[in-house]
Each structure stands twice: as C-alpha cells, then as structure tokens.
Protein backbone atom coordinates (compact mmCIF):
# COMPACT_ATOMS: atom_id res chain seq x y z
CA SER A 1 0.01 0.44 -0.16
CA VAL A 2 1.32 3.77 -0.74
CA LYS A 3 0.49 4.56 3.27
CA GLY A 4 2.25 2.02 4.14
CA ASP A 5 5.87 2.72 2.19
CA HIS A 6 7.92 4.52 4.25
CA ARG A 7 10.07 6.08 0.83
CA ILE A 8 7.21 7.61 -0.23
CA SER A 9 6.27 9.20 2.82
CA ARG A 10 10.13 10.04 3.33
CA ALA A 11 10.17 11.81 -0.06
CA VAL A 12 7.17 13.77 0.68
CA GLY A 13 8.17 14.61 4.17
CA VAL A 14 11.46 16.01 2.14
CA CYS A 15 8.91 17.79 0.21
CA LYS A 16 7.21 19.22 3.37
CA LYS A 17 9.87 20.59 5.34
CA LEU A 18 11.19 21.91 2.01
CA VAL A 19 8.20 24.05 1.14
CA VAL A 20 8.18 25.42 4.99
CA CYS A 21 11.97 26.15 4.84
CA PHE A 22 11.17 28.66 1.66
CA ALA A 23 7.77 29.97 2.86
CA HIS A 24 9.21 30.92 6.31
CA SER A 25 12.31 32.78 5.51
CA TRP A 26 12.28 35.33 3.21
CA LYS A 27 16.14 35.77 1.90
CA LYS A 28 15.62 32.05 0.57
CA LYS A 29 12.53 33.02 -1.10
CA ARG A 30 14.70 35.93 -2.99
CA GLU A 31 17.94 33.27 -3.24
CA LEU A 32 15.45 31.22 -4.83
CA ALA A 33 14.29 34.02 -7.24
CA GLU A 34 18.06 35.10 -8.20
CA VAL A 35 18.86 31.23 -9.39
CA GLN A 36 15.66 30.61 -11.48
CA GLU A 37 16.10 33.70 -13.45
CA GLU A 38 20.53 32.73 -13.56
CA LEU A 39 19.20 28.49 -14.53
CA LYS A 40 16.57 30.21 -16.69
CA LEU A 41 13.82 28.37 -14.72
CA PRO A 42 10.28 29.28 -14.79
CA LYS A 43 9.78 31.56 -11.77
CA HIS A 44 7.34 29.95 -9.48
CA SER A 45 6.88 29.63 -6.07
CA LEU A 46 7.04 26.55 -4.55
CA ILE A 47 3.05 25.11 -3.84
CA THR A 48 1.89 23.81 -0.10
CA ASP A 49 0.32 20.61 0.39
CA CYS A 50 -3.35 20.58 1.82
CA PRO A 51 -5.18 17.70 3.17
CA THR A 52 -8.40 19.24 1.83
CA ARG A 53 -7.42 20.44 -1.53
CA TRP A 54 -7.27 18.25 -4.37
CA GLY A 55 -4.68 17.35 -6.08
CA SER A 56 -1.91 19.86 -4.24
CA LYS A 57 0.28 16.32 -3.39
CA PHE A 58 1.12 16.31 -7.46
CA LYS A 59 1.18 19.90 -7.55
CA MET A 60 4.05 20.14 -4.47
CA VAL A 61 5.76 17.17 -5.67
CA ASP A 62 5.80 18.73 -9.61
CA ARG A 63 6.85 21.83 -8.29
CA ILE A 64 9.19 20.59 -6.89
CA LEU A 65 10.90 18.53 -9.34
CA GLU A 66 10.63 21.74 -11.57
CA GLN A 67 13.09 23.66 -9.38
CA GLU A 68 15.30 21.00 -8.14
CA CYS A 69 18.16 21.87 -9.78
CA ALA A 70 17.35 25.72 -8.02
CA LEU A 71 16.34 24.32 -4.50
CA ARG A 72 20.57 22.39 -4.38
CA GLN A 73 22.16 25.37 -5.36
CA VAL A 74 19.84 27.96 -2.77
CA LEU A 75 20.23 25.12 0.09
CA SER A 76 23.88 24.00 -0.43
CA ASN A 77 24.73 27.29 -0.14
CA ASP A 78 23.58 27.49 3.44
CA ARG A 79 24.82 25.00 5.82
CA LYS A 80 22.00 24.56 8.17
CA SER A 81 19.66 23.81 5.54
CA VAL A 82 22.08 21.44 3.76
CA HIS A 83 20.19 18.20 5.08
CA LEU A 84 17.02 19.48 3.20
CA ILE A 85 18.84 18.54 -0.21
CA PRO A 86 16.25 15.42 -1.58
CA SER A 87 18.73 12.71 -1.91
CA TRP A 88 18.51 10.62 -5.78
CA GLN A 89 16.18 7.86 -3.83
CA ASP A 90 13.82 10.67 -3.13
CA ILE A 91 14.26 12.33 -6.66
CA GLN A 92 13.36 8.58 -7.70
CA VAL A 93 10.67 7.70 -5.69
CA LEU A 94 9.12 11.67 -6.06
CA GLU A 95 9.38 10.95 -10.10
CA SER A 96 7.44 7.56 -9.41
CA LEU A 97 5.00 9.78 -8.17
CA LYS A 98 4.73 12.14 -10.06
CA SER A 99 3.82 9.99 -13.05
CA GLY A 100 1.72 7.48 -10.70
CA LEU A 101 -0.37 10.89 -9.76
CA GLY A 102 -0.49 12.42 -13.15
CA PRO A 103 -2.93 10.68 -14.77
CA VAL A 104 -5.62 10.51 -11.00
CA TYR A 105 -4.60 14.99 -11.44
CA ASP A 106 -5.29 15.37 -15.04
CA PHE A 107 -8.81 13.40 -14.64
C-alpha cells in the first residue's frame, strides 16, 4: 500500500520541509528567485500540500521536481539547510509518485 511505504512518506516529508523552509525565509525566497533567473527556470514559488485541497500533493511534488536544480543550489549555500536537499532516492520516488498521480490529477 502507498500509505505504508516509508520511502513515499519520507520523500513527501522532505517536500513538505522544503516548502516550509522557503515559506518562512524571505532570504531563501530571494535566493531562489535569483537562481531561477540564472538557470532560466520559470519563476514559480513552491506549493504547499493541503489535505483538503484536491491535487495539492501532486502540484507540490511537480513543483519540487521542476525547481530541483534551483532548490539544490540555494540549499547547498547554507550549512543549516543542506540536510533538506532531496537525495537521489527521494527524487526517484517523487518522479514515480508524479507519474502515478498525474493521470488521476488530469482526470
């Protein structure tokens, strides 16, 4: 079952921590915008997962994957936040989750 899979719980938990980290820090938001411009990524903010909002988990995962390079660059510059960088296993799980949730979200 998806609920019982600790890899999915961990990967989604990392996403939620990333979103909270950037939501509470204007410096990180500013750095993210600068890095997005530098990497020519869309200037999107991160999306919060909300249990009562349909598709919010998919949107959150999709945005994290879209902005992965920028997030990695911003977080690697700060010693206190380096632990929030998603591992390659987390990214792999998030990509699988996105491909699994995509058709349901589009429905």
